[in-house]
Amino acid sequence: MHHFLIALATTPSPTPTPSLRPGLSEDQVTPGTWGFVLTAFIVVLTTFLIVDMVRRIRRVRYRAQVEEALVGETDGADDGGVVSGKPGVEESDGDAGSGAR
């Protein structure tokens, strides 16, 4: 009885057939060489697109940082304030900007 249960557990049901159904060839059920080539091309193309997108996003961020720094420097020079070591931070005279009443 014990061996019978082990045989049932290891035997797949239904039993797979070693060949394809009559009327089918292996070319009809597998992607083949062209399927592999097309999939590889799509993967390479997607990789190049992602790398290009990352490069463009970095460029836009860098330009925005440079523009903010230039705007901060020109604002500091126009207001007559002294620009500290940090971009966009100005030093003021007295408590005028502290909000004290």
PDB file of N, CA and C in Angstrom:
ATOM      1  N   MET A   1       0.829  -1.190   0.000  1.00  0.00           N
ATOM      2  CA  MET A   1       0.000   0.000   0.000  1.00  0.00           C
ATOM      3  C   MET A   1       0.875   1.256   0.000  1.00  0.00           C
ATOM      4  N   HIS A   2       1.934   1.223   0.763  1.00  0.00           N
ATOM      5  CA  HIS A   2       2.812   2.376   0.885  1.00  0.00           C
ATOM      6  C   HIS A   2       3.481   2.694  -0.458  1.00  0.00           C
ATOM      7  N   HIS A   3       3.930   1.705  -1.187  1.00  0.00           N
ATOM      8  CA  HIS A   3       4.572   1.903  -2.481  1.00  0.00           C
ATOM      9  C   HIS A   3       3.578   2.403  -3.523  1.00  0.00           C
ATOM     10  N   PHE A   4       2.337   1.996  -3.388  1.00  0.00           N
ATOM     11  CA  PHE A   4       1.305   2.427  -4.311  1.00  0.00           C
ATOM     12  C   PHE A   4       1.072   3.936  -4.191  1.00  0.00           C
ATOM     13  N   LEU A   5       1.053   4.467  -2.953  1.00  0.00           N
ATOM     14  CA  LEU A   5       0.858   5.902  -2.746  1.00  0.00           C
ATOM     15  C   LEU A   5       2.040   6.709  -3.288  1.00  0.00           C
ATOM     16  N   ILE A   6       3.236   6.185  -3.123  1.00  0.00           N
ATOM     17  CA  ILE A   6       4.409   6.873  -3.653  1.00  0.00           C
ATOM     18  C   ILE A   6       4.367   6.883  -5.178  1.00  0.00           C
ATOM     19  N   ALA A   7       3.941   5.777  -5.772  1.00  0.00           N
ATOM     20  CA  ALA A   7       3.842   5.707  -7.229  1.00  0.00           C
ATOM     21  C   ALA A   7       2.792   6.679  -7.740  1.00  0.00           C
ATOM     22  N   LEU A   8       1.682   6.848  -7.021  1.00  0.00           N
ATOM     23  CA  LEU A   8       0.653   7.804  -7.421  1.00  0.00           C
ATOM     24  C   LEU A   8       1.159   9.239  -7.296  1.00  0.00           C
ATOM     25  N   ALA A   9       1.941   9.523  -6.263  1.00  0.00           N
ATOM     26  CA  ALA A   9       2.436  10.875  -6.042  1.00  0.00           C
ATOM     27  C   ALA A   9       3.488  11.275  -7.082  1.00  0.00           C
ATOM     28  N   THR A  10       4.227  10.356  -7.596  1.00  0.00           N
ATOM     29  CA  THR A  10       5.293  10.689  -8.539  1.00  0.00           C
ATOM     30  C   THR A  10       4.872  10.580  -9.994  1.00  0.00           C
ATOM     31  N   THR A  11       3.769   9.943 -10.296  1.00  0.00           N
ATOM     32  CA  THR A  11       3.308   9.793 -11.676  1.00  0.00           C
ATOM     33  C   THR A  11       2.385  10.956 -12.013  1.00  0.00           C
ATOM     34  N   PRO A  12       2.748  11.763 -13.024  1.00  0.00           N
ATOM     35  CA  PRO A  12       1.870  12.880 -13.392  1.00  0.00           C
ATOM     36  C   PRO A  12       0.618  12.373 -14.087  1.00  0.00           C
ATOM     37  N   SER A  13      -0.426  13.114 -13.908  1.00  0.00           N
ATOM     38  CA  SER A  13      -1.675  12.725 -14.537  1.00  0.00           C
ATOM     39  C   SER A  13      -2.224  13.943 -15.249  1.00  0.00           C
ATOM     40  N   PRO A  14      -2.556  13.957 -16.444  1.00  0.00           N
ATOM     41  CA  PRO A  14      -2.404  12.886 -17.408  1.00  0.00           C
ATOM     42  C   PRO A  14      -0.949  12.727 -17.831  1.00  0.00           C
ATOM     43  N   THR A  15      -0.638  11.562 -18.287  1.00  0.00           N
ATOM     44  CA  THR A  15       0.719  11.244 -18.683  1.00  0.00           C
ATOM     45  C   THR A  15       1.093  12.069 -19.916  1.00  0.00           C
ATOM     46  N   PRO A  16       2.225  12.833 -19.835  1.00  0.00           N
ATOM     47  CA  PRO A  16       2.591  13.671 -20.990  1.00  0.00           C
ATOM     48  C   PRO A  16       3.049  12.817 -22.163  1.00  0.00           C
ATOM     49  N   THR A  17       2.729  13.284 -23.349  1.00  0.00           N
ATOM     50  CA  THR A  17       3.151  12.562 -24.547  1.00  0.00           C
ATOM     51  C   THR A  17       4.503  13.104 -24.993  1.00  0.00           C
ATOM     52  N   PRO A  18       5.388  12.244 -25.474  1.00  0.00           N
ATOM     53  CA  PRO A  18       6.723  12.695 -25.847  1.00  0.00           C
ATOM     54  C   PRO A  18       6.771  13.475 -27.158  1.00  0.00           C
ATOM     55  N   SER A  19       5.709  13.457 -27.942  1.00  0.00           N
ATOM     56  CA  SER A  19       5.736  14.148 -29.231  1.00  0.00           C
ATOM     57  C   SER A  19       4.567  15.129 -29.301  1.00  0.00           C
ATOM     58  N   LEU A  20       4.571  15.913 -30.353  1.00  0.00           N
ATOM     59  CA  LEU A  20       3.501  16.887 -30.538  1.00  0.00           C
ATOM     60  C   LEU A  20       2.256  16.221 -31.101  1.00  0.00           C
ATOM     61  N   ARG A  21       1.169  16.909 -30.971  1.00  0.00           N
ATOM     62  CA  ARG A  21      -0.099  16.452 -31.514  1.00  0.00           C
ATOM     63  C   ARG A  21       0.007  16.331 -33.030  1.00  0.00           C
ATOM     64  N   PRO A  22      -0.660  15.373 -33.640  1.00  0.00           N
ATOM     65  CA  PRO A  22      -0.581  15.221 -35.103  1.00  0.00           C
ATOM     66  C   PRO A  22      -1.037  16.503 -35.809  1.00  0.00           C
ATOM     67  N   GLY A  23      -0.269  16.906 -36.826  1.00  0.00           N
ATOM     68  CA  GLY A  23      -0.619  18.105 -37.585  1.00  0.00           C
ATOM     69  C   GLY A  23       0.158  19.338 -37.144  1.00  0.00           C
ATOM     70  N   LEU A  24       0.873  19.263 -36.018  1.00  0.00           N
ATOM     71  CA  LEU A  24       1.664  20.396 -35.541  1.00  0.00           C
ATOM     72  C   LEU A  24       3.145  20.119 -35.749  1.00  0.00           C
ATOM     73  N   SER A  25       3.856  21.148 -36.130  1.00  0.00           N
ATOM     74  CA  SER A  25       5.311  21.029 -36.205  1.00  0.00           C
ATOM     75  C   SER A  25       5.912  21.885 -35.094  1.00  0.00           C
ATOM     76  N   GLU A  26       7.185  21.667 -34.820  1.00  0.00           N
ATOM     77  CA  GLU A  26       7.838  22.403 -33.732  1.00  0.00           C
ATOM     78  C   GLU A  26       7.934  23.889 -34.053  1.00  0.00           C
ATOM     79  N   ASP A  27       7.983  24.254 -35.327  1.00  0.00           N
ATOM     80  CA  ASP A  27       8.032  25.661 -35.720  1.00  0.00           C
ATOM     81  C   ASP A  27       6.746  26.401 -35.367  1.00  0.00           C
ATOM     82  N   GLN A  28       5.653  25.693 -35.279  1.00  0.00           N
ATOM     83  CA  GLN A  28       4.377  26.323 -34.983  1.00  0.00           C
ATOM     84  C   GLN A  28       4.184  26.591 -33.489  1.00  0.00           C
ATOM     85  N   VAL A  29       4.954  25.964 -32.636  1.00  0.00           N
ATOM     86  CA  VAL A  29       4.737  26.122 -31.192  1.00  0.00           C
ATOM     87  C   VAL A  29       5.919  26.760 -30.470  1.00  0.00           C
ATOM     88  N   THR A  30       7.013  27.041 -31.163  1.00  0.00           N
ATOM     89  CA  THR A  30       8.166  27.694 -30.555  1.00  0.00           C
ATOM     90  C   THR A  30       8.467  28.981 -31.311  1.00  0.00           C
ATOM     91  N   PRO A  31       9.046  29.972 -30.630  1.00  0.00           N
ATOM     92  CA  PRO A  31       9.334  31.233 -31.312  1.00  0.00           C
ATOM     93  C   PRO A  31      10.442  31.113 -32.348  1.00  0.00           C
ATOM     94  N   GLY A  32      11.358  30.202 -32.166  1.00  0.00           N
ATOM     95  CA  GLY A  32      12.422  29.990 -33.143  1.00  0.00           C
ATOM     96  C   GLY A  32      13.481  31.079 -33.105  1.00  0.00           C
ATOM     97  N   THR A  33      14.304  31.073 -34.118  1.00  0.00           N
ATOM     98  CA  THR A  33      15.430  32.007 -34.198  1.00  0.00           C
ATOM     99  C   THR A  33      14.966  33.446 -34.359  1.00  0.00           C
ATOM    100  N   TRP A  34      13.980  33.672 -35.216  1.00  0.00           N
ATOM    101  CA  TRP A  34      13.494  35.038 -35.427  1.00  0.00           C
ATOM    102  C   TRP A  34      12.846  35.608 -34.181  1.00  0.00           C
ATOM    103  N   GLY A  35      12.186  34.781 -33.422  1.00  0.00           N
ATOM    104  CA  GLY A  35      11.606  35.246 -32.161  1.00  0.00           C
ATOM    105  C   GLY A  35      12.677  35.683 -31.179  1.00  0.00           C
ATOM    106  N   PHE A  36      13.762  34.903 -31.120  1.00  0.00           N
ATOM    107  CA  PHE A  36      14.874  35.276 -30.237  1.00  0.00           C
ATOM    108  C   PHE A  36      15.534  36.567 -30.700  1.00  0.00           C
ATOM    109  N   VAL A  37      15.778  36.692 -32.006  1.00  0.00           N
ATOM    110  CA  VAL A  37      16.431  37.890 -32.538  1.00  0.00           C
ATOM    111  C   VAL A  37      15.569  39.128 -32.285  1.00  0.00           C
ATOM    112  N   LEU A  38      14.285  39.025 -32.518  1.00  0.00           N
ATOM    113  CA  LEU A  38      13.391  40.158 -32.293  1.00  0.00           C
ATOM    114  C   LEU A  38      13.340  40.540 -30.812  1.00  0.00           C
ATOM    115  N   THR A  39      13.266  39.567 -29.931  1.00  0.00           N
ATOM    116  CA  THR A  39      13.250  39.845 -28.494  1.00  0.00           C
ATOM    117  C   THR A  39      14.558  40.491 -28.047  1.00  0.00           C
ATOM    118  N   ALA A  40      15.681  40.000 -28.535  1.00  0.00           N
ATOM    119  CA  ALA A  40      16.981  40.590 -28.194  1.00  0.00           C
ATOM    120  C   ALA A  40      17.070  42.022 -28.713  1.00  0.00           C
ATOM    121  N   PHE A  41      16.577  42.283 -29.913  1.00  0.00           N
ATOM    122  CA  PHE A  41      16.574  43.639 -30.464  1.00  0.00           C
ATOM    123  C   PHE A  41      15.746  44.584 -29.606  1.00  0.00           C
ATOM    124  N   ILE A  42      14.584  44.142 -29.169  1.00  0.00           N
ATOM    125  CA  ILE A  42      13.727  44.980 -28.320  1.00  0.00           C
ATOM    126  C   ILE A  42      14.410  45.278 -26.989  1.00  0.00           C
ATOM    127  N   VAL A  43      15.099  44.303 -26.416  1.00  0.00           N
ATOM    128  CA  VAL A  43      15.810  44.510 -25.143  1.00  0.00           C
ATOM    129  C   VAL A  43      16.933  45.529 -25.326  1.00  0.00           C
ATOM    130  N   VAL A  44      17.709  45.396 -26.393  1.00  0.00           N
ATOM    131  CA  VAL A  44      18.807  46.339 -26.644  1.00  0.00           C
ATOM    132  C   VAL A  44      18.264  47.743 -26.906  1.00  0.00           C
ATOM    133  N   LEU A  45      17.223  47.851 -27.704  1.00  0.00           N
ATOM    134  CA  LEU A  45      16.609  49.143 -27.996  1.00  0.00           C
ATOM    135  C   LEU A  45      16.083  49.795 -26.720  1.00  0.00           C
ATOM    136  N   THR A  46      15.409  49.037 -25.882  1.00  0.00           N
ATOM    137  CA  THR A  46      14.893  49.567 -24.617  1.00  0.00           C
ATOM    138  C   THR A  46      16.028  50.032 -23.716  1.00  0.00           C
ATOM    139  N   THR A  47      17.125  49.290 -23.676  1.00  0.00           N
ATOM    140  CA  THR A  47      18.274  49.690 -22.865  1.00  0.00           C
ATOM    141  C   THR A  47      18.834  51.018 -23.343  1.00  0.00           C
ATOM    142  N   PHE A  48      19.004  51.185 -24.654  1.00  0.00           N
ATOM    143  CA  PHE A  48      19.499  52.456 -25.183  1.00  0.00           C
ATOM    144  C   PHE A  48      18.534  53.599 -24.881  1.00  0.00           C
ATOM    145  N   LEU A  49      17.241  53.354 -24.988  1.00  0.00           N
ATOM    146  CA  LEU A  49      16.266  54.401 -24.683  1.00  0.00           C
ATOM    147  C   LEU A  49      16.325  54.814 -23.213  1.00  0.00           C
ATOM    148  N   ILE A  50      16.481  53.858 -22.317  1.00  0.00           N
ATOM    149  CA  ILE A  50      16.556  54.165 -20.883  1.00  0.00           C
ATOM    150  C   ILE A  50      17.819  54.961 -20.579  1.00  0.00           C
ATOM    151  N   VAL A  51      18.947  54.568 -21.148  1.00  0.00           N
ATOM    152  CA  VAL A  51      20.198  55.298 -20.930  1.00  0.00           C
ATOM    153  C   VAL A  51      20.079  56.729 -21.450  1.00  0.00           C
ATOM    154  N   ASP A  52      19.491  56.914 -22.628  1.00  0.00           N
ATOM    155  CA  ASP A  52      19.309  58.249 -23.187  1.00  0.00           C
ATOM    156  C   ASP A  52      18.377  59.086 -22.314  1.00  0.00           C
ATOM    157  N   MET A  53      17.298  58.492 -21.822  1.00  0.00           N
ATOM    158  CA  MET A  53      16.360  59.216 -20.971  1.00  0.00           C
ATOM    159  C   MET A  53      17.031  59.672 -19.680  1.00  0.00           C
ATOM    160  N   VAL A  54      17.823  58.801 -19.060  1.00  0.00           N
ATOM    161  CA  VAL A  54      18.524  59.159 -17.827  1.00  0.00           C
ATOM    162  C   VAL A  54      19.497  60.303 -18.097  1.00  0.00           C
ATOM    163  N   ARG A  55      20.217  60.245 -19.207  1.00  0.00           N
ATOM    164  CA  ARG A  55      21.156  61.311 -19.570  1.00  0.00           C
ATOM    165  C   ARG A  55      20.430  62.641 -19.744  1.00  0.00           C
ATOM    166  N   ARG A  56      19.279  62.638 -20.408  1.00  0.00           N
ATOM    167  CA  ARG A  56      18.525  63.878 -20.614  1.00  0.00           C
ATOM    168  C   ARG A  56      17.970  64.422 -19.303  1.00  0.00           C
ATOM    169  N   ILE A  57      17.506  63.552 -18.426  1.00  0.00           N
ATOM    170  CA  ILE A  57      16.983  64.008 -17.128  1.00  0.00           C
ATOM    171  C   ILE A  57      18.099  64.638 -16.307  1.00  0.00           C
ATOM    172  N   ARG A  58      19.292  64.028 -16.302  1.00  0.00           N
ATOM    173  CA  ARG A  58      20.425  64.622 -15.585  1.00  0.00           C
ATOM    174  C   ARG A  58      20.772  65.990 -16.152  1.00  0.00           C
ATOM    175  N   ARG A  59      20.756  66.125 -17.467  1.00  0.00           N
ATOM    176  CA  ARG A  59      21.076  67.399 -18.100  1.00  0.00           C
ATOM    177  C   ARG A  59      20.077  68.475 -17.690  1.00  0.00           C
ATOM    178  N   VAL A  60      18.786  68.140 -17.672  1.00  0.00           N
ATOM    179  CA  VAL A  60      17.762  69.103 -17.281  1.00  0.00           C
ATOM    180  C   VAL A  60      17.941  69.501 -15.818  1.00  0.00           C
ATOM    181  N   ARG A  61      18.218  68.548 -14.935  1.00  0.00           N
ATOM    182  CA  ARG A  61      18.434  68.865 -13.521  1.00  0.00           C
ATOM    183  C   ARG A  61      19.648  69.764 -13.336  1.00  0.00           C
ATOM    184  N   TYR A  62      20.722  69.467 -14.053  1.00  0.00           N
ATOM    185  CA  TYR A  62      21.930  70.271 -13.936  1.00  0.00           C
ATOM    186  C   TYR A  62      21.677  71.694 -14.412  1.00  0.00           C
ATOM    187  N   ARG A  63      20.981  71.843 -15.522  1.00  0.00           N
ATOM    188  CA  ARG A  63      20.664  73.186 -16.017  1.00  0.00           C
ATOM    189  C   ARG A  63      19.793  73.943 -15.035  1.00  0.00           C
ATOM    190  N   ALA A  64      18.842  73.270 -14.390  1.00  0.00           N
ATOM    191  CA  ALA A  64      17.994  73.927 -13.394  1.00  0.00           C
ATOM    192  C   ALA A  64      18.822  74.378 -12.192  1.00  0.00           C
ATOM    193  N   GLN A  65      19.777  73.555 -11.753  1.00  0.00           N
ATOM    194  CA  GLN A  65      20.631  73.942 -10.631  1.00  0.00           C
ATOM    195  C   GLN A  65      21.495  75.147 -10.989  1.00  0.00           C
ATOM    196  N   VAL A  66      22.057  75.161 -12.183  1.00  0.00           N
ATOM    197  CA  VAL A  66      22.877  76.292 -12.616  1.00  0.00           C
ATOM    198  C   VAL A  66      22.020  77.550 -12.710  1.00  0.00           C
ATOM    199  N   GLU A  67      20.819  77.427 -13.243  1.00  0.00           N
ATOM    200  CA  GLU A  67      19.927  78.580 -13.364  1.00  0.00           C
ATOM    201  C   GLU A  67      19.547  79.121 -11.991  1.00  0.00           C
ATOM    202  N   GLU A  68      19.249  78.233 -11.030  1.00  0.00           N
ATOM    203  CA  GLU A  68      18.933  78.681  -9.675  1.00  0.00           C
ATOM    204  C   GLU A  68      20.113  79.406  -9.040  1.00  0.00           C
ATOM    205  N   ALA A  69      21.317  78.889  -9.268  1.00  0.00           N
ATOM    206  CA  ALA A  69      22.503  79.542  -8.711  1.00  0.00           C
ATOM    207  C   ALA A  69      22.707  80.914  -9.339  1.00  0.00           C
ATOM    208  N   LEU A  70      22.515  81.045 -10.641  1.00  0.00           N
ATOM    209  CA  LEU A  70      22.658  82.337 -11.301  1.00  0.00           C
ATOM    210  C   LEU A  70      21.596  83.322 -10.839  1.00  0.00           C
ATOM    211  N   VAL A  71      20.362  82.863 -10.686  1.00  0.00           N
ATOM    212  CA  VAL A  71      19.286  83.726 -10.214  1.00  0.00           C
ATOM    213  C   VAL A  71      19.574  84.171  -8.783  1.00  0.00           C
ATOM    214  N   GLY A  72      20.071  83.273  -7.957  1.00  0.00           N
ATOM    215  CA  GLY A  72      20.413  83.621  -6.580  1.00  0.00           C
ATOM    216  C   GLY A  72      21.530  84.652  -6.518  1.00  0.00           C
ATOM    217  N   GLU A  73      22.519  84.530  -7.385  1.00  0.00           N
ATOM    218  CA  GLU A  73      23.620  85.499  -7.403  1.00  0.00           C
ATOM    219  C   GLU A  73      23.148  86.848  -7.900  1.00  0.00           C
ATOM    220  N   THR A  74      22.319  86.875  -8.932  1.00  0.00           N
ATOM    221  CA  THR A  74      21.853  88.159  -9.454  1.00  0.00           C
ATOM    222  C   THR A  74      20.880  88.814  -8.486  1.00  0.00           C
ATOM    223  N   ASP A  75      20.053  88.069  -7.773  1.00  0.00           N
ATOM    224  CA  ASP A  75      19.154  88.640  -6.772  1.00  0.00           C
ATOM    225  C   ASP A  75      19.951  89.262  -5.638  1.00  0.00           C
ATOM    226  N   GLY A  76      20.995  88.596  -5.206  1.00  0.00           N
ATOM    227  CA  GLY A  76      21.828  89.107  -4.119  1.00  0.00           C
ATOM    228  C   GLY A  76      22.551  90.375  -4.526  1.00  0.00           C
ATOM    229  N   ALA A  77      22.985  90.472  -5.769  1.00  0.00           N
ATOM    230  CA  ALA A  77      23.691  91.663  -6.234  1.00  0.00           C
ATOM    231  C   ALA A  77      22.720  92.811  -6.454  1.00  0.00           C
ATOM    232  N   ASP A  78      21.493  92.551  -6.906  1.00  0.00           N
ATOM    233  CA  ASP A  78      20.509  93.603  -7.149  1.00  0.00           C
ATOM    234  C   ASP A  78      19.980  94.188  -5.856  1.00  0.00           C
ATOM    235  N   ASP A  79      19.810  93.381  -4.809  1.00  0.00           N
ATOM    236  CA  ASP A  79      19.265  93.844  -3.543  1.00  0.00           C
ATOM    237  C   ASP A  79      20.295  94.586  -2.713  1.00  0.00           C
ATOM    238  N   GLY A  80      21.544  94.484  -3.049  1.00  0.00           N
ATOM    239  CA  GLY A  80      22.590  95.135  -2.286  1.00  0.00           C
ATOM    240  C   GLY A  80      23.008  94.332  -1.076  1.00  0.00           C
ATOM    241  N   GLY A  81      22.450  93.156  -0.895  1.00  0.00           N
ATOM    242  CA  GLY A  81      22.803  92.310   0.244  1.00  0.00           C
ATOM    243  C   GLY A  81      24.096  91.572  -0.028  1.00  0.00           C
ATOM    244  N   VAL A  82      24.709  91.083   1.016  1.00  0.00           N
ATOM    245  CA  VAL A  82      25.942  90.325   0.880  1.00  0.00           C
ATOM    246  C   VAL A  82      25.567  88.859   0.748  1.00  0.00           C
ATOM    247  N   VAL A  83      26.045  88.235  -0.262  1.00  0.00           N
ATOM    248  CA  VAL A  83      25.740  86.834  -0.482  1.00  0.00           C
ATOM    249  C   VAL A  83      26.704  86.002   0.347  1.00  0.00           C
ATOM    250  N   SER A  84      26.164  85.084   1.157  1.00  0.00           N
ATOM    251  CA  SER A  84      27.015  84.230   1.982  1.00  0.00           C
ATOM    252  C   SER A  84      27.579  83.104   1.142  1.00  0.00           C
ATOM    253  N   GLY A  85      28.253  82.146   1.776  1.00  0.00           N
ATOM    254  CA  GLY A  85      28.851  81.030   1.061  1.00  0.00           C
ATOM    255  C   GLY A  85      27.827  80.088   0.457  1.00  0.00           C
ATOM    256  N   LYS A  86      26.590  80.126   0.940  1.00  0.00           N
ATOM    257  CA  LYS A  86      25.550  79.242   0.419  1.00  0.00           C
ATOM    258  C   LYS A  86      24.778  79.946  -0.686  1.00  0.00           C
ATOM    259  N   PRO A  87      24.480  79.273  -1.788  1.00  0.00           N
ATOM    260  CA  PRO A  87      23.741  79.930  -2.861  1.00  0.00           C
ATOM    261  C   PRO A  87      22.315  80.232  -2.439  1.00  0.00           C
ATOM    262  N   GLY A  88      21.872  81.481  -2.734  1.00  0.00           N
ATOM    263  CA  GLY A  88      20.504  81.862  -2.451  1.00  0.00           C
ATOM    264  C   GLY A  88      20.275  82.314  -1.022  1.00  0.00           C
ATOM    265  N   VAL A  89      21.312  82.430  -0.191  1.00  0.00           N
ATOM    266  CA  VAL A  89      21.168  82.865   1.191  1.00  0.00           C
ATOM    267  C   VAL A  89      21.832  84.220   1.326  1.00  0.00           C
ATOM    268  N   GLU A  90      21.068  85.209   1.808  1.00  0.00           N
ATOM    269  CA  GLU A  90      21.605  86.552   1.981  1.00  0.00           C
ATOM    270  C   GLU A  90      21.678  86.892   3.454  1.00  0.00           C
ATOM    271  N   GLU A  91      22.638  87.724   3.796  1.00  0.00           N
ATOM    272  CA  GLU A  91      22.742  88.208   5.164  1.00  0.00           C
ATOM    273  C   GLU A  91      22.059  89.553   5.227  1.00  0.00           C
ATOM    274  N   SER A  92      21.285  89.803   6.287  1.00  0.00           N
ATOM    275  CA  SER A  92      20.574  91.071   6.406  1.00  0.00           C
ATOM    276  C   SER A  92      21.145  91.884   7.562  1.00  0.00           C
ATOM    277  N   ASP A  93      20.836  93.174   7.560  1.00  0.00           N
ATOM    278  CA  ASP A  93      21.282  94.080   8.618  1.00  0.00           C
ATOM    279  C   ASP A  93      20.262  94.069   9.750  1.00  0.00           C
ATOM    280  N   GLY A  94      20.679  93.747  10.967  1.00  0.00           N
ATOM    281  CA  GLY A  94      19.808  93.805  12.138  1.00  0.00           C
ATOM    282  C   GLY A  94      18.735  92.755  12.158  1.00  0.00           C
ATOM    283  N   ASP A  95      17.624  93.137  12.819  1.00  0.00           N
ATOM    284  CA  ASP A  95      16.497  92.221  13.005  1.00  0.00           C
ATOM    285  C   ASP A  95      15.380  92.503  12.021  1.00  0.00           C
ATOM    286  N   ALA A  96      15.620  93.222  10.948  1.00  0.00           N
ATOM    287  CA  ALA A  96      14.543  93.593  10.046  1.00  0.00           C
ATOM    288  C   ALA A  96      13.872  92.375   9.414  1.00  0.00           C
ATOM    289  N   GLY A  97      14.606  91.339   9.150  1.00  0.00           N
ATOM    290  CA  GLY A  97      14.042  90.168   8.494  1.00  0.00           C
ATOM    291  C   GLY A  97      13.660  89.064   9.459  1.00  0.00           C
ATOM    292  N   SER A  98      13.810  89.258  10.769  1.00  0.00           N
ATOM    293  CA  SER A  98      13.552  88.166  11.712  1.00  0.00           C
ATOM    294  C   SER A  98      12.093  88.029  12.081  1.00  0.00           C
ATOM    295  N   GLY A  99      11.290  89.054  11.796  1.00  0.00           N
ATOM    296  CA  GLY A  99       9.868  88.940  12.109  1.00  0.00           C
ATOM    297  C   GLY A  99       9.552  89.371  13.536  1.00  0.00           C
ATOM    298  N   ALA A 100      10.474  89.943  14.300  1.00  0.00           N
ATOM    299  CA  ALA A 100      10.224  90.397  15.663  1.00  0.00           C
ATOM    300  C   ALA A 100       9.447  91.695  15.640  1.00  0.00           C
ATOM    301  N   ARG A 101       8.525  91.900  16.631  1.00  0.00           N
ATOM    302  CA  ARG A 101       7.720  93.118  16.681  1.00  0.00           C
ATOM    303  C   ARG A 101       8.075  93.945  17.862  1.00  0.00           C
TER     304      ARG A 101
END
